[in-house]
Each structure stands twice: as C-alpha cells, then as structure tokens.
Amino acid sequence: MLRTVSAQAIVLIIGAPVGACGGEVKDTWREMAAWASDQLTRRFGEAVYVKYYDLLDPTCPSLPTYARLPLVAVNGEVVSSGGKISIPAIHERLEAIGQRRTGS
C-alpha cells in the first residue's frame, strides 16, 4: 500500500468496472472515487490525497486476502472492504490520525 508523504494522508480506493445489462461496462467505482475525492478535498484541503486504482491496473497495489471491492484504505490501513465508499468512515479515520478539517 502507499505511505504518507509528509503530513498528507493518502486515501486509497481500489475498484473495478462492472458489467451491466446489454454488455455495457460501467466504471461506477472510479466515478464514486472522484466524488469522494471532491468531498474530502472540500473538508481537508491538501492534507488529503485520494488515489484510485482499477483492480486490473498493472500498478494496483496488492490486496489483503480478505479484501472485497471497493477497498478503501487510509495511509495503508483498511477502512472498508466491500459495500460502499463511506465518506463518514473516511472522515472518522482521517480525524483519528490527526487530520483537521479545513472546509465546511
């Protein structure tokens, strides 16, 4: 997993495109990661960096054996595995490691 650079917290989100009816492929987790990044930047400013990986990206970090998608980690510590990307859970973890809110 990625490590913290100076005082910046790194939020890592790993997802994958999903198939839909009619053979369509949706990149929903990437879209949700972009939305999460916007929300977190509004709250924490530059103190937080969000990085999204598609599971099939060659540079995707290895996953814990129990992991389900989407996987969300803050500074290498898993916040959630499977289900949804929870902004409140990410906020809680960021505040627990000392990140302070800068925005609304």
C-alpha atoms as a PDB file:
ATOM      1  CA  MET A   1       0.000   0.000   0.000  1.00  0.00           C
ATOM      2  CA  LEU A   2       1.005   3.643  -0.306  1.00  0.00           C
ATOM      3  CA  ARG A   3       2.677   5.565   2.519  1.00  0.00           C
ATOM      4  CA  THR A   4       2.132   9.070   3.785  1.00  0.00           C
ATOM      5  CA  VAL A   5       4.147  11.838   2.159  1.00  0.00           C
ATOM      6  CA  SER A   6       4.917  14.488   4.832  1.00  0.00           C
ATOM      7  CA  ALA A   7       1.692  15.388   6.670  1.00  0.00           C
ATOM      8  CA  GLN A   8      -0.544  14.430   3.764  1.00  0.00           C
ATOM      9  CA  ALA A   9      -2.861  11.478   4.322  1.00  0.00           C
ATOM     10  CA  ILE A  10      -3.342   9.117   1.391  1.00  0.00           C
ATOM     11  CA  VAL A  11      -6.782   7.668   0.793  1.00  0.00           C
ATOM     12  CA  LEU A  12      -6.501   4.651  -1.479  1.00  0.00           C
ATOM     13  CA  ILE A  13      -9.579   3.340  -3.264  1.00  0.00           C
ATOM     14  CA  ILE A  14      -9.455   0.164  -5.340  1.00  0.00           C
ATOM     15  CA  GLY A  15     -12.401  -0.830  -7.506  1.00  0.00           C
ATOM     16  CA  ALA A  16     -13.170  -2.381 -10.872  1.00  0.00           C
ATOM     17  CA  PRO A  17     -15.510  -1.776 -13.791  1.00  0.00           C
ATOM     18  CA  VAL A  18     -18.745  -3.750 -13.579  1.00  0.00           C
ATOM     19  CA  GLY A  19     -20.806  -5.310 -16.333  1.00  0.00           C
ATOM     20  CA  ALA A  20     -24.354  -4.128 -16.868  1.00  0.00           C
ATOM     21  CA  CYS A  21     -27.256  -5.341 -18.931  1.00  0.00           C
ATOM     22  CA  GLY A  22     -26.632  -5.477 -22.661  1.00  0.00           C
ATOM     23  CA  GLY A  23     -22.885  -5.927 -22.292  1.00  0.00           C
ATOM     24  CA  GLU A  24     -22.339  -2.340 -21.146  1.00  0.00           C
ATOM     25  CA  VAL A  25     -19.436  -1.782 -18.753  1.00  0.00           C
ATOM     26  CA  LYS A  26     -19.772   0.882 -16.079  1.00  0.00           C
ATOM     27  CA  ASP A  27     -16.885   2.428 -14.187  1.00  0.00           C
ATOM     28  CA  THR A  28     -19.000   3.273 -11.149  1.00  0.00           C
ATOM     29  CA  TRP A  29     -16.256   2.879  -8.531  1.00  0.00           C
ATOM     30  CA  ARG A  30     -13.964   5.268 -10.410  1.00  0.00           C
ATOM     31  CA  GLU A  31     -16.806   7.806 -10.550  1.00  0.00           C
ATOM     32  CA  MET A  32     -17.521   7.352  -6.833  1.00  0.00           C
ATOM     33  CA  ALA A  33     -13.805   7.718  -6.035  1.00  0.00           C
ATOM     34  CA  ALA A  34     -13.750  11.033  -7.920  1.00  0.00           C
ATOM     35  CA  TRP A  35     -16.803  12.184  -5.962  1.00  0.00           C
ATOM     36  CA  ALA A  36     -15.181  11.069  -2.683  1.00  0.00           C
ATOM     37  CA  SER A  37     -12.007  12.936  -3.608  1.00  0.00           C
ATOM     38  CA  ASP A  38     -14.009  16.122  -4.153  1.00  0.00           C
ATOM     39  CA  GLN A  39     -15.801  15.713  -0.805  1.00  0.00           C
ATOM     40  CA  LEU A  40     -12.594  15.007   1.102  1.00  0.00           C
ATOM     41  CA  THR A  41     -10.730  17.895  -0.524  1.00  0.00           C
ATOM     42  CA  ARG A  42     -13.528  20.251   0.492  1.00  0.00           C
ATOM     43  CA  ARG A  43     -13.200  19.094   4.108  1.00  0.00           C
ATOM     44  CA  PHE A  44      -9.466  18.555   4.481  1.00  0.00           C
ATOM     45  CA  GLY A  45      -7.885  20.561   1.669  1.00  0.00           C
ATOM     46  CA  GLU A  46      -4.421  19.495   0.546  1.00  0.00           C
ATOM     47  CA  ALA A  47      -3.907  17.458   3.723  1.00  0.00           C
ATOM     48  CA  VAL A  48      -5.601  14.562   1.909  1.00  0.00           C
ATOM     49  CA  TYR A  49      -4.705  12.918  -1.388  1.00  0.00           C
ATOM     50  CA  VAL A  50      -7.104  10.384  -2.945  1.00  0.00           C
ATOM     51  CA  LYS A  51      -5.735   7.783  -5.350  1.00  0.00           C
ATOM     52  CA  TYR A  52      -7.975   5.381  -7.295  1.00  0.00           C
ATOM     53  CA  TYR A  53      -6.796   2.132  -8.833  1.00  0.00           C
ATOM     54  CA  ASP A  54      -8.698  -0.219 -11.067  1.00  0.00           C
ATOM     55  CA  LEU A  55      -8.054  -3.775  -9.865  1.00  0.00           C
ATOM     56  CA  LEU A  56      -6.670  -4.639 -13.304  1.00  0.00           C
ATOM     57  CA  ASP A  57      -4.218  -1.703 -13.405  1.00  0.00           C
ATOM     58  CA  PRO A  58      -0.655  -3.050 -13.568  1.00  0.00           C
ATOM     59  CA  THR A  59       0.328  -0.604 -10.815  1.00  0.00           C
ATOM     60  CA  CYS A  60      -2.536  -1.571  -8.488  1.00  0.00           C
ATOM     61  CA  PRO A  61      -1.220  -2.377  -5.001  1.00  0.00           C
ATOM     62  CA  SER A  62      -1.738  -5.915  -3.751  1.00  0.00           C
ATOM     63  CA  LEU A  63      -4.905  -6.534  -1.782  1.00  0.00           C
ATOM     64  CA  PRO A  64      -5.259  -8.276   1.557  1.00  0.00           C
ATOM     65  CA  THR A  65      -6.521 -11.842   1.124  1.00  0.00           C
ATOM     66  CA  TYR A  66      -9.905 -11.000   2.681  1.00  0.00           C
ATOM     67  CA  ALA A  67     -10.489  -7.890   0.545  1.00  0.00           C
ATOM     68  CA  ARG A  68     -13.665  -7.188  -1.354  1.00  0.00           C
ATOM     69  CA  LEU A  69     -14.214  -4.294  -3.715  1.00  0.00           C
ATOM     70  CA  PRO A  70     -14.265  -1.437  -3.296  1.00  0.00           C
ATOM     71  CA  LEU A  71     -11.391  -1.402  -0.865  1.00  0.00           C
ATOM     72  CA  VAL A  72     -10.758   1.884   0.963  1.00  0.00           C
ATOM     73  CA  ALA A  73      -7.580   2.447   2.979  1.00  0.00           C
ATOM     74  CA  VAL A  74      -6.143   5.493   4.735  1.00  0.00           C
ATOM     75  CA  ASN A  75      -2.354   5.520   4.996  1.00  0.00           C
ATOM     76  CA  GLY A  76      -2.329   1.785   4.320  1.00  0.00           C
ATOM     77  CA  GLU A  77      -4.914   0.867   6.966  1.00  0.00           C
ATOM     78  CA  VAL A  78      -8.127  -0.649   5.596  1.00  0.00           C
ATOM     79  CA  VAL A  79     -11.185   1.467   6.399  1.00  0.00           C
ATOM     80  CA  SER A  80     -13.693  -0.629   4.446  1.00  0.00           C
ATOM     81  CA  SER A  81     -13.785  -3.641   2.182  1.00  0.00           C
ATOM     82  CA  GLY A  82     -16.893  -4.265   0.109  1.00  0.00           C
ATOM     83  CA  GLY A  83     -20.152  -2.411   0.273  1.00  0.00           C
ATOM     84  CA  LYS A  84     -19.910   1.295  -0.404  1.00  0.00           C
ATOM     85  CA  ILE A  85     -17.394   4.109  -0.188  1.00  0.00           C
ATOM     86  CA  SER A  86     -18.352   5.749   3.107  1.00  0.00           C
ATOM     87  CA  ILE A  87     -17.293   9.370   3.402  1.00  0.00           C
ATOM     88  CA  PRO A  88     -18.202   9.462   7.134  1.00  0.00           C
ATOM     89  CA  ALA A  89     -15.980   6.411   7.804  1.00  0.00           C
ATOM     90  CA  ILE A  90     -13.099   8.019   5.904  1.00  0.00           C
ATOM     91  CA  HIS A  91     -13.615  11.314   7.788  1.00  0.00           C
ATOM     92  CA  GLU A  92     -13.534   9.440  11.084  1.00  0.00           C
ATOM     93  CA  ARG A  93     -10.286   7.685  10.209  1.00  0.00           C
ATOM     94  CA  LEU A  94      -8.661  10.890   8.960  1.00  0.00           C
ATOM     95  CA  GLU A  95      -9.578  12.713  12.148  1.00  0.00           C
ATOM     96  CA  ALA A  96      -8.336   9.768  14.238  1.00  0.00           C
ATOM     97  CA  ILE A  97      -4.877  10.140  12.668  1.00  0.00           C
ATOM     98  CA  GLY A  98      -4.855  13.866  13.344  1.00  0.00           C
ATOM     99  CA  GLN A  99      -6.078  15.411  10.097  1.00  0.00           C
ATOM    100  CA  ARG A 100      -8.076  18.569  10.715  1.00  0.00           C
ATOM    101  CA  ARG A 101     -10.990  19.835   8.694  1.00  0.00           C
ATOM    102  CA  THR A 102     -10.263  22.998   6.755  1.00  0.00           C
ATOM    103  CA  GLY A 103     -13.596  23.431   4.984  1.00  0.00           C
ATOM    104  CA  SER A 104     -17.312  23.011   5.545  1.00  0.00           C
END
